[in-house]
Amino acid sequence: MSHEIVPIPRHGLNWATTIVMVIFHLGALAALPFFSWKILAITVALYWMCTGWGISLGYHRLHTHRSFVVPLWMEYWFAICGTLTLEGGPISWVATHRVHHQKSDQPGDPHSPRDGAWWAHIGWLLWGETMHNNTRVMSKYAPDLAKHRFYVWLNNYHWIPIVAMTAITYAIGGWALCGWTVFVRVVFGLHATWLVNSATHMWGKRRFNTRDDSRNNWWVAAITFGEGWHNNHHAHPTSARHGLAWYEFDPSWIQLKVLRALGVARSIRVAKVDSVLAEREAA
């Protein structure tokens, strides 16, 4: 990347976040020897539910950008799935991402590679401002969610669902099931999501001349349910479809089309794909 990396102020190590991250990474390593194909299949299914529904469809495309509408019970369900990723509550996640779009790769962006690749990937969580768990402050950027008592409660107690899942999986299948479906799944999902913050602002192709450094990265898209088509997304942030070309695999968009066919999802916002691509790719 051609931009000069300018160090930004650090605010001291966030000990609580750091300790939790260390525990989960060590737990994931400890779980690896207990591999089985059955447990892997369950882990993948839960990864789809928690990261696919919770983060890609839920926190991102629905809660942050309001790209579509689903019944309130499903909106709440997606938010619960989001908490199972260890990425915080819905209000904090949405607020952080909205700030990212407002100031993408500019001063004030919470996680820009212009401040260092490591900072963009995880450093902003470990050394950044400790506002992520302050529901009152973060609600200023997500007033639509803050109007719901459920979201306020879930943001304050976002750790309850994952603690419950940990206890249930351990009771059912011992450390082998718990270690993989909670610790391995969460750590993989965290790094996959963080790659959207870091890698897709450093490596890949730029279809649109956006004011930031966003790029389309196929391998990040492959592990994040289509979130790696990041330049497309920054050019058309409210579009529920991120993979704008036929070869840009976007599982979340496919799932959303299924929900639309079932009459569950409506008011879906989509960029005018054919005209957009014809204009940009001919340029």
C-alpha atoms as a PDB file:
ATOM      1  CA  MET A   1       0.000   0.000   0.000  1.00  0.00           C
ATOM      2  CA  SER A   2       1.385   3.377  -0.962  1.00  0.00           C
ATOM      3  CA  HIS A   3       0.071   5.420   1.954  1.00  0.00           C
ATOM      4  CA  GLU A   4       2.477   6.356   4.713  1.00  0.00           C
ATOM      5  CA  ILE A   5       1.703   4.679   8.019  1.00  0.00           C
ATOM      6  CA  VAL A   6       1.224   7.326  10.673  1.00  0.00           C
ATOM      7  CA  PRO A   7       1.109   6.054  14.267  1.00  0.00           C
ATOM      8  CA  ILE A   8      -2.009   7.074  16.185  1.00  0.00           C
ATOM      9  CA  PRO A   9      -2.297   7.502  19.938  1.00  0.00           C
ATOM     10  CA  ARG A  10      -2.686   4.322  21.974  1.00  0.00           C
ATOM     11  CA  HIS A  11      -4.749   4.370  25.137  1.00  0.00           C
ATOM     12  CA  GLY A  12      -3.102   1.651  27.209  1.00  0.00           C
ATOM     13  CA  LEU A  13      -3.724  -2.049  27.022  1.00  0.00           C
ATOM     14  CA  ASN A  14      -7.354  -3.087  27.426  1.00  0.00           C
ATOM     15  CA  TRP A  15      -6.651  -5.841  29.927  1.00  0.00           C
ATOM     16  CA  ALA A  16     -10.122  -7.416  30.014  1.00  0.00           C
ATOM     17  CA  THR A  17     -10.266  -7.749  26.219  1.00  0.00           C
ATOM     18  CA  THR A  18      -6.671  -8.984  26.039  1.00  0.00           C
ATOM     19  CA  ILE A  19      -7.186 -11.664  28.688  1.00  0.00           C
ATOM     20  CA  VAL A  20     -10.337 -12.954  26.984  1.00  0.00           C
ATOM     21  CA  MET A  21      -8.561 -13.072  23.618  1.00  0.00           C
ATOM     22  CA  VAL A  22      -5.605 -14.967  25.084  1.00  0.00           C
ATOM     23  CA  ILE A  23      -7.920 -17.484  26.777  1.00  0.00           C
ATOM     24  CA  PHE A  24      -9.860 -18.133  23.579  1.00  0.00           C
ATOM     25  CA  HIS A  25      -6.747 -18.518  21.434  1.00  0.00           C
ATOM     26  CA  LEU A  26      -5.183 -20.922  23.930  1.00  0.00           C
ATOM     27  CA  GLY A  27      -8.474 -22.786  24.167  1.00  0.00           C
ATOM     28  CA  ALA A  28      -8.605 -23.138  20.389  1.00  0.00           C
ATOM     29  CA  LEU A  29      -5.088 -24.571  20.313  1.00  0.00           C
ATOM     30  CA  ALA A  30      -5.939 -26.985  23.133  1.00  0.00           C
ATOM     31  CA  ALA A  31      -9.027 -28.177  21.248  1.00  0.00           C
ATOM     32  CA  LEU A  32      -7.282 -29.023  17.968  1.00  0.00           C
ATOM     33  CA  PRO A  33      -6.123 -32.546  19.025  1.00  0.00           C
ATOM     34  CA  PHE A  34      -9.764 -33.503  19.725  1.00  0.00           C
ATOM     35  CA  PHE A  35     -10.695 -33.284  16.044  1.00  0.00           C
ATOM     36  CA  SER A  36     -13.358 -35.519  14.535  1.00  0.00           C
ATOM     37  CA  TRP A  37     -15.317 -35.154  11.307  1.00  0.00           C
ATOM     38  CA  LYS A  38     -18.596 -35.106  13.201  1.00  0.00           C
ATOM     39  CA  ILE A  39     -17.439 -32.306  15.468  1.00  0.00           C
ATOM     40  CA  LEU A  40     -16.047 -30.407  12.474  1.00  0.00           C
ATOM     41  CA  ALA A  41     -19.440 -30.636  10.739  1.00  0.00           C
ATOM     42  CA  ILE A  42     -21.200 -29.266  13.826  1.00  0.00           C
ATOM     43  CA  THR A  43     -18.602 -26.500  14.108  1.00  0.00           C
ATOM     44  CA  VAL A  44     -19.084 -25.473  10.471  1.00  0.00           C
ATOM     45  CA  ALA A  45     -22.873 -25.424  10.926  1.00  0.00           C
ATOM     46  CA  LEU A  46     -22.537 -23.203  13.992  1.00  0.00           C
ATOM     47  CA  TYR A  47     -20.041 -20.985  12.172  1.00  0.00           C
ATOM     48  CA  TRP A  48     -22.638 -20.507   9.452  1.00  0.00           C
ATOM     49  CA  MET A  49     -25.265 -19.649  12.041  1.00  0.00           C
ATOM     50  CA  CYS A  50     -23.151 -17.346  14.201  1.00  0.00           C
ATOM     51  CA  THR A  51     -20.924 -15.594  11.670  1.00  0.00           C
ATOM     52  CA  GLY A  52     -23.075 -16.022   8.562  1.00  0.00           C
ATOM     53  CA  TRP A  53     -26.400 -15.089  10.132  1.00  0.00           C
ATOM     54  CA  GLY A  54     -25.143 -13.138  13.116  1.00  0.00           C
ATOM     55  CA  ILE A  55     -22.428 -10.979  11.548  1.00  0.00           C
ATOM     56  CA  SER A  56     -22.825 -10.929   7.767  1.00  0.00           C
ATOM     57  CA  LEU A  57     -26.621 -10.923   7.483  1.00  0.00           C
ATOM     58  CA  GLY A  58     -27.368  -9.552  10.954  1.00  0.00           C
ATOM     59  CA  TYR A  59     -24.935  -7.067  12.465  1.00  0.00           C
ATOM     60  CA  HIS A  60     -23.668  -5.885   9.080  1.00  0.00           C
ATOM     61  CA  ARG A  61     -26.223  -5.913   6.300  1.00  0.00           C
ATOM     62  CA  LEU A  62     -29.353  -5.659   8.469  1.00  0.00           C
ATOM     63  CA  HIS A  63     -28.550  -3.846  11.705  1.00  0.00           C
ATOM     64  CA  THR A  64     -25.855  -1.484  10.385  1.00  0.00           C
ATOM     65  CA  HIS A  65     -26.981  -0.687   6.845  1.00  0.00           C
ATOM     66  CA  ARG A  66     -30.681  -1.617   6.960  1.00  0.00           C
ATOM     67  CA  SER A  67     -30.329  -3.273   3.566  1.00  0.00           C
ATOM     68  CA  PHE A  68     -33.490  -5.328   4.046  1.00  0.00           C
ATOM     69  CA  VAL A  69     -36.385  -5.897   6.413  1.00  0.00           C
ATOM     70  CA  VAL A  70     -37.323  -9.094   8.253  1.00  0.00           C
ATOM     71  CA  PRO A  71     -39.780  -9.737  11.096  1.00  0.00           C
ATOM     72  CA  LEU A  72     -38.620  -8.358  14.432  1.00  0.00           C
ATOM     73  CA  TRP A  73     -38.208 -11.831  15.938  1.00  0.00           C
ATOM     74  CA  MET A  74     -35.743 -12.754  13.182  1.00  0.00           C
ATOM     75  CA  GLU A  75     -33.917  -9.447  13.583  1.00  0.00           C
ATOM     76  CA  TYR A  76     -33.510 -10.244  17.278  1.00  0.00           C
ATOM     77  CA  TRP A  77     -32.428 -13.797  16.475  1.00  0.00           C
ATOM     78  CA  PHE A  78     -29.715 -12.571  14.124  1.00  0.00           C
ATOM     79  CA  ALA A  79     -28.478 -10.280  16.912  1.00  0.00           C
ATOM     80  CA  ILE A  80     -28.303 -13.175  19.381  1.00  0.00           C
ATOM     81  CA  CYS A  81     -26.321 -15.168  16.805  1.00  0.00           C
ATOM     82  CA  GLY A  82     -23.998 -12.166  16.490  1.00  0.00           C
ATOM     83  CA  THR A  83     -23.190 -12.207  20.203  1.00  0.00           C
ATOM     84  CA  LEU A  84     -22.070 -15.829  19.864  1.00  0.00           C
ATOM     85  CA  THR A  85     -19.054 -14.655  17.830  1.00  0.00           C
ATOM     86  CA  LEU A  86     -17.432 -12.758  20.730  1.00  0.00           C
ATOM     87  CA  GLU A  87     -17.590  -9.570  18.663  1.00  0.00           C
ATOM     88  CA  GLY A  88     -19.598  -7.659  21.231  1.00  0.00           C
ATOM     89  CA  GLY A  89     -23.171  -6.485  21.393  1.00  0.00           C
ATOM     90  CA  PRO A  90     -25.233  -5.200  18.461  1.00  0.00           C
ATOM     91  CA  ILE A  91     -25.191  -1.509  19.401  1.00  0.00           C
ATOM     92  CA  SER A  92     -21.404  -1.415  19.830  1.00  0.00           C
ATOM     93  CA  TRP A  93     -20.746  -3.389  16.645  1.00  0.00           C
ATOM     94  CA  VAL A  94     -23.095  -1.272  14.558  1.00  0.00           C
ATOM     95  CA  ALA A  95     -21.784   2.007  15.995  1.00  0.00           C
ATOM     96  CA  THR A  96     -18.158   1.039  15.297  1.00  0.00           C
ATOM     97  CA  HIS A  97     -18.940   0.036  11.728  1.00  0.00           C
ATOM     98  CA  ARG A  98     -20.920   3.177  11.012  1.00  0.00           C
ATOM     99  CA  VAL A  99     -17.996   5.290  12.209  1.00  0.00           C
ATOM    100  CA  HIS A 100     -15.733   3.207   9.966  1.00  0.00           C
ATOM    101  CA  HIS A 101     -17.855   4.082   6.944  1.00  0.00           C
ATOM    102  CA  GLN A 102     -18.030   7.760   7.846  1.00  0.00           C
ATOM    103  CA  LYS A 103     -14.247   8.050   8.241  1.00  0.00           C
ATOM    104  CA  SER A 104     -12.948   5.093   6.270  1.00  0.00           C
ATOM    105  CA  ASP A 105      -9.139   5.219   6.049  1.00  0.00           C
ATOM    106  CA  GLN A 106      -9.230   8.782   7.345  1.00  0.00           C
ATOM    107  CA  PRO A 107      -8.425  10.181  10.808  1.00  0.00           C
ATOM    108  CA  GLY A 108     -11.007   8.774  13.189  1.00  0.00           C
ATOM    109  CA  ASP A 109     -11.410   5.411  11.473  1.00  0.00           C
ATOM    110  CA  PRO A 110     -11.362   2.837  14.311  1.00  0.00           C
ATOM    111  CA  HIS A 111      -9.380   0.284  12.293  1.00  0.00           C
ATOM    112  CA  SER A 112      -7.531   1.488   9.222  1.00  0.00           C
ATOM    113  CA  PRO A 113      -4.372  -0.182   7.837  1.00  0.00           C
ATOM    114  CA  ARG A 114      -3.031   3.340   7.306  1.00  0.00           C
ATOM    115  CA  ASP A 115      -2.365   3.155  11.050  1.00  0.00           C
ATOM    116  CA  GLY A 116      -0.653  -0.232  10.599  1.00  0.00           C
ATOM    117  CA  ALA A 117      -1.823  -3.650   9.442  1.00  0.00           C
ATOM    118  CA  TRP A 118      -1.631  -5.111  12.949  1.00  0.00           C
ATOM    119  CA  TRP A 119      -3.617  -2.187  14.313  1.00  0.00           C
ATOM    120  CA  ALA A 120      -6.350  -2.712  11.716  1.00  0.00           C
ATOM    121  CA  HIS A 121      -6.497  -6.434  12.401  1.00  0.00           C
ATOM    122  CA  ILE A 122      -6.583  -6.579  16.202  1.00  0.00           C
ATOM    123  CA  GLY A 123      -4.580  -3.748  17.751  1.00  0.00           C
ATOM    124  CA  TRP A 124      -7.533  -1.352  17.755  1.00  0.00           C
ATOM    125  CA  LEU A 125      -9.352  -3.723  20.100  1.00  0.00           C
ATOM    126  CA  LEU A 126      -6.421  -4.239  22.438  1.00  0.00           C
ATOM    127  CA  TRP A 127      -5.066  -0.688  22.595  1.00  0.00           C
ATOM    128  CA  GLY A 128      -7.845   1.500  21.231  1.00  0.00           C
ATOM    129  CA  GLU A 129     -10.313   3.647  23.099  1.00  0.00           C
ATOM    130  CA  THR A 130     -12.384   1.538  25.504  1.00  0.00           C
ATOM    131  CA  MET A 131     -15.761   2.678  24.202  1.00  0.00           C
ATOM    132  CA  HIS A 132     -16.869  -0.670  22.799  1.00  0.00           C
ATOM    133  CA  ASN A 133     -18.705  -1.684  25.968  1.00  0.00           C
ATOM    134  CA  ASN A 134     -20.171   1.742  26.729  1.00  0.00           C
ATOM    135  CA  THR A 135     -23.752   1.357  25.553  1.00  0.00           C
ATOM    136  CA  ARG A 136     -24.694   4.965  26.295  1.00  0.00           C
ATOM    137  CA  VAL A 137     -21.864   6.391  24.181  1.00  0.00           C
ATOM    138  CA  MET A 138     -22.212   3.901  21.335  1.00  0.00           C
ATOM    139  CA  SER A 139     -25.978   4.445  21.188  1.00  0.00           C
ATOM    140  CA  LYS A 140     -25.333   7.909  19.745  1.00  0.00           C
ATOM    141  CA  TYR A 141     -24.213   6.175  16.550  1.00  0.00           C
ATOM    142  CA  ALA A 142     -26.984   3.566  16.630  1.00  0.00           C
ATOM    143  CA  PRO A 143     -30.101   5.360  17.905  1.00  0.00           C
ATOM    144  CA  ASP A 144     -32.343   3.077  15.853  1.00  0.00           C
ATOM    145  CA  LEU A 145     -31.149   0.074  17.850  1.00  0.00           C
ATOM    146  CA  ALA A 146     -31.051   1.953  21.152  1.00  0.00           C
ATOM    147  CA  LYS A 147     -34.819   2.461  20.919  1.00  0.00           C
ATOM    148  CA  HIS A 148     -35.251  -1.263  21.534  1.00  0.00           C
ATOM    149  CA  ARG A 149     -34.928  -2.380  25.142  1.00  0.00           C
ATOM    150  CA  PHE A 150     -33.881  -5.794  23.866  1.00  0.00           C
ATOM    151  CA  TYR A 151     -30.865  -4.415  22.012  1.00  0.00           C
ATOM    152  CA  VAL A 152     -29.815  -2.300  24.974  1.00  0.00           C
ATOM    153  CA  TRP A 153     -30.036  -5.342  27.250  1.00  0.00           C
ATOM    154  CA  LEU A 154     -28.220  -7.562  24.759  1.00  0.00           C
ATOM    155  CA  ASN A 155     -25.472  -4.990  24.316  1.00  0.00           C
ATOM    156  CA  ASN A 156     -24.943  -4.762  28.073  1.00  0.00           C
ATOM    157  CA  TYR A 157     -25.016  -8.529  28.576  1.00  0.00           C
ATOM    158  CA  HIS A 158     -23.706  -9.787  25.236  1.00  0.00           C
ATOM    159  CA  TRP A 159     -21.550 -12.354  27.044  1.00  0.00           C
ATOM    160  CA  ILE A 160     -24.529 -14.333  28.365  1.00  0.00           C
ATOM    161  CA  PRO A 161     -25.373 -16.237  25.125  1.00  0.00           C
ATOM    162  CA  ILE A 162     -21.800 -17.435  24.562  1.00  0.00           C
ATOM    163  CA  VAL A 163     -21.395 -18.443  28.213  1.00  0.00           C
ATOM    164  CA  ALA A 164     -24.630 -20.413  27.908  1.00  0.00           C
ATOM    165  CA  MET A 165     -23.433 -22.061  24.678  1.00  0.00           C
ATOM    166  CA  THR A 166     -20.134 -22.993  26.332  1.00  0.00           C
ATOM    167  CA  ALA A 167     -21.926 -24.642  29.242  1.00  0.00           C
ATOM    168  CA  ILE A 168     -24.406 -26.485  27.008  1.00  0.00           C
ATOM    169  CA  THR A 169     -21.820 -27.824  24.549  1.00  0.00           C
ATOM    170  CA  TYR A 170     -19.582 -28.973  27.393  1.00  0.00           C
ATOM    171  CA  ALA A 171     -22.498 -30.738  29.084  1.00  0.00           C
ATOM    172  CA  ILE A 172     -23.436 -32.496  25.843  1.00  0.00           C
ATOM    173  CA  GLY A 173     -20.043 -33.415  24.395  1.00  0.00           C
ATOM    174  CA  GLY A 174     -17.337 -32.550  26.889  1.00  0.00           C
ATOM    175  CA  TRP A 175     -14.243 -30.562  26.000  1.00  0.00           C
ATOM    176  CA  ALA A 176     -14.018 -31.960  22.470  1.00  0.00           C
ATOM    177  CA  LEU A 177     -17.374 -30.525  21.413  1.00  0.00           C
ATOM    178  CA  CYS A 178     -17.047 -27.361  23.489  1.00  0.00           C
ATOM    179  CA  GLY A 179     -13.473 -26.693  22.408  1.00  0.00           C
ATOM    180  CA  TRP A 180     -14.275 -26.865  18.709  1.00  0.00           C
ATOM    181  CA  THR A 181     -17.771 -25.379  18.535  1.00  0.00           C
ATOM    182  CA  VAL A 182     -16.924 -22.500  20.856  1.00  0.00           C
ATOM    183  CA  PHE A 183     -13.179 -21.816  20.990  1.00  0.00           C
ATOM    184  CA  VAL A 184     -12.021 -22.909  17.518  1.00  0.00           C
ATOM    185  CA  ARG A 185     -15.138 -21.484  15.863  1.00  0.00           C
ATOM    186  CA  VAL A 186     -14.872 -18.145  17.657  1.00  0.00           C
ATOM    187  CA  VAL A 187     -11.152 -17.668  16.996  1.00  0.00           C
ATOM    188  CA  PHE A 188     -11.520 -18.534  13.302  1.00  0.00           C
ATOM    189  CA  GLY A 189     -14.524 -16.212  13.032  1.00  0.00           C
ATOM    190  CA  LEU A 190     -12.742 -13.356  14.762  1.00  0.00           C
ATOM    191  CA  HIS A 191      -9.768 -13.480  12.427  1.00  0.00           C
ATOM    192  CA  ALA A 192     -12.042 -13.855   9.403  1.00  0.00           C
ATOM    193  CA  THR A 193     -13.952 -10.722  10.397  1.00  0.00           C
ATOM    194  CA  TRP A 194     -10.764  -8.841  11.267  1.00  0.00           C
ATOM    195  CA  LEU A 195      -9.417  -9.654   7.801  1.00  0.00           C
ATOM    196  CA  VAL A 196     -12.252  -7.560   6.383  1.00  0.00           C
ATOM    197  CA  ASN A 197     -10.885  -4.651   8.423  1.00  0.00           C
ATOM    198  CA  SER A 198      -7.259  -5.263   7.480  1.00  0.00           C
ATOM    199  CA  ALA A 199      -6.726  -7.379   4.345  1.00  0.00           C
ATOM    200  CA  THR A 200      -9.557  -5.932   2.262  1.00  0.00           C
ATOM    201  CA  HIS A 201      -8.115  -2.465   2.745  1.00  0.00           C
ATOM    202  CA  MET A 202      -4.668  -3.627   1.598  1.00  0.00           C
ATOM    203  CA  TRP A 203      -4.910  -6.447  -0.964  1.00  0.00           C
ATOM    204  CA  GLY A 204      -7.254  -7.044  -3.855  1.00  0.00           C
ATOM    205  CA  LYS A 205      -8.798  -5.269  -6.816  1.00  0.00           C
ATOM    206  CA  ARG A 206     -10.620  -1.947  -6.868  1.00  0.00           C
ATOM    207  CA  ARG A 207     -13.613  -1.838  -9.191  1.00  0.00           C
ATOM    208  CA  PHE A 208     -14.846   1.503  -7.841  1.00  0.00           C
ATOM    209  CA  ASN A 209     -12.859   4.662  -7.165  1.00  0.00           C
ATOM    210  CA  THR A 210     -13.990   5.113  -3.568  1.00  0.00           C
ATOM    211  CA  ARG A 211     -12.397   7.676  -1.239  1.00  0.00           C
ATOM    212  CA  ASP A 212     -10.908   4.899   0.902  1.00  0.00           C
ATOM    213  CA  ASP A 213      -8.572   1.970   0.206  1.00  0.00           C
ATOM    214  CA  SER A 214     -11.252  -0.745   0.113  1.00  0.00           C
ATOM    215  CA  ARG A 215     -10.607  -3.685  -2.181  1.00  0.00           C
ATOM    216  CA  ASN A 216     -12.377  -6.805  -3.409  1.00  0.00           C
ATOM    217  CA  ASN A 217     -10.640  -9.869  -2.006  1.00  0.00           C
ATOM    218  CA  TRP A 218     -11.953 -13.275  -3.064  1.00  0.00           C
ATOM    219  CA  TRP A 219     -10.312 -15.361  -0.345  1.00  0.00           C
ATOM    220  CA  VAL A 220     -11.628 -13.124   2.415  1.00  0.00           C
ATOM    221  CA  ALA A 221     -15.065 -13.319   0.788  1.00  0.00           C
ATOM    222  CA  ALA A 222     -14.798 -17.116   0.803  1.00  0.00           C
ATOM    223  CA  ILE A 223     -14.542 -17.322   4.605  1.00  0.00           C
ATOM    224  CA  THR A 224     -16.876 -14.428   5.492  1.00  0.00           C
ATOM    225  CA  PHE A 225     -20.011 -15.241   3.501  1.00  0.00           C
ATOM    226  CA  GLY A 226     -19.287 -12.600   0.863  1.00  0.00           C
ATOM    227  CA  GLU A 227     -17.984  -9.780   3.065  1.00  0.00           C
ATOM    228  CA  GLY A 228     -14.675  -9.732   1.201  1.00  0.00           C
ATOM    229  CA  TRP A 229     -16.211  -7.916  -1.790  1.00  0.00           C
ATOM    230  CA  HIS A 230     -15.392  -4.855   0.232  1.00  0.00           C
ATOM    231  CA  ASN A 231     -14.780  -2.290  -2.493  1.00  0.00           C
ATOM    232  CA  ASN A 232     -18.211  -3.102  -3.920  1.00  0.00           C
ATOM    233  CA  HIS A 233     -19.645  -2.631  -0.454  1.00  0.00           C
ATOM    234  CA  HIS A 234     -17.983   0.713   0.211  1.00  0.00           C
ATOM    235  CA  ALA A 235     -19.175   1.974  -3.173  1.00  0.00           C
ATOM    236  CA  HIS A 236     -22.737   0.814  -2.431  1.00  0.00           C
ATOM    237  CA  PRO A 237     -22.962   0.447   1.363  1.00  0.00           C
ATOM    238  CA  THR A 238     -26.733  -0.023   1.555  1.00  0.00           C
ATOM    239  CA  SER A 239     -26.807  -2.762  -1.072  1.00  0.00           C
ATOM    240  CA  ALA A 240     -27.706  -6.151   0.408  1.00  0.00           C
ATOM    241  CA  ARG A 241     -25.748  -7.753  -2.416  1.00  0.00           C
ATOM    242  CA  HIS A 242     -21.965  -7.425  -2.096  1.00  0.00           C
ATOM    243  CA  GLY A 243     -20.839  -9.756  -4.862  1.00  0.00           C
ATOM    244  CA  LEU A 244     -22.004  -7.726  -7.854  1.00  0.00           C
ATOM    245  CA  ALA A 245     -20.711  -9.984 -10.632  1.00  0.00           C
ATOM    246  CA  TRP A 246     -21.712 -13.587 -11.303  1.00  0.00           C
ATOM    247  CA  TYR A 247     -18.246 -14.808 -10.330  1.00  0.00           C
ATOM    248  CA  GLU A 248     -18.264 -12.962  -6.978  1.00  0.00           C
ATOM    249  CA  PHE A 249     -19.659 -15.656  -4.695  1.00  0.00           C
ATOM    250  CA  ASP A 250     -21.843 -14.061  -2.029  1.00  0.00           C
ATOM    251  CA  PRO A 251     -23.489 -16.694   0.220  1.00  0.00           C
ATOM    252  CA  SER A 252     -25.300 -14.100   2.339  1.00  0.00           C
ATOM    253  CA  TRP A 253     -26.963 -12.694  -0.776  1.00  0.00           C
ATOM    254  CA  ILE A 254     -28.039 -16.191  -1.792  1.00  0.00           C
ATOM    255  CA  GLN A 255     -29.531 -16.790   1.655  1.00  0.00           C
ATOM    256  CA  LEU A 256     -31.325 -13.473   1.485  1.00  0.00           C
ATOM    257  CA  LYS A 257     -32.853 -14.412  -1.863  1.00  0.00           C
ATOM    258  CA  VAL A 258     -34.146 -17.604  -0.257  1.00  0.00           C
ATOM    259  CA  LEU A 259     -35.681 -15.580   2.577  1.00  0.00           C
ATOM    260  CA  ARG A 260     -37.295 -13.312  -0.011  1.00  0.00           C
ATOM    261  CA  ALA A 261     -38.711 -16.300  -1.898  1.00  0.00           C
ATOM    262  CA  LEU A 262     -40.165 -17.582   1.381  1.00  0.00           C
ATOM    263  CA  GLY A 263     -41.822 -14.227   1.983  1.00  0.00           C
ATOM    264  CA  VAL A 264     -39.702 -13.506   5.068  1.00  0.00           C
ATOM    265  CA  ALA A 265     -37.389 -10.762   3.751  1.00  0.00           C
ATOM    266  CA  ARG A 266     -38.680  -7.640   1.981  1.00  0.00           C
ATOM    267  CA  SER A 267     -37.667  -4.099   1.033  1.00  0.00           C
ATOM    268  CA  ILE A 268     -34.289  -5.428  -0.112  1.00  0.00           C
ATOM    269  CA  ARG A 269     -31.911  -2.752  -1.334  1.00  0.00           C
ATOM    270  CA  VAL A 270     -29.681  -3.822  -4.219  1.00  0.00           C
ATOM    271  CA  ALA A 271     -27.260  -1.865  -6.390  1.00  0.00           C
ATOM    272  CA  LYS A 272     -28.239  -1.852 -10.051  1.00  0.00           C
ATOM    273  CA  VAL A 273     -25.712  -4.481 -10.909  1.00  0.00           C
ATOM    274  CA  ASP A 274     -25.797  -4.539 -14.714  1.00  0.00           C
ATOM    275  CA  SER A 275     -25.611  -0.776 -15.243  1.00  0.00           C
ATOM    276  CA  VAL A 276     -23.035  -0.310 -12.487  1.00  0.00           C
ATOM    277  CA  LEU A 277     -20.696  -2.971 -13.822  1.00  0.00           C
ATOM    278  CA  ALA A 278     -21.110  -1.915 -17.422  1.00  0.00           C
ATOM    279  CA  GLU A 279     -20.190   1.644 -16.531  1.00  0.00           C
ATOM    280  CA  ARG A 280     -17.224   0.802 -14.280  1.00  0.00           C
ATOM    281  CA  GLU A 281     -15.704  -2.074 -16.233  1.00  0.00           C
ATOM    282  CA  ALA A 282     -15.850  -0.107 -19.481  1.00  0.00           C
ATOM    283  CA  ALA A 283     -13.997   2.810 -17.905  1.00  0.00           C
END
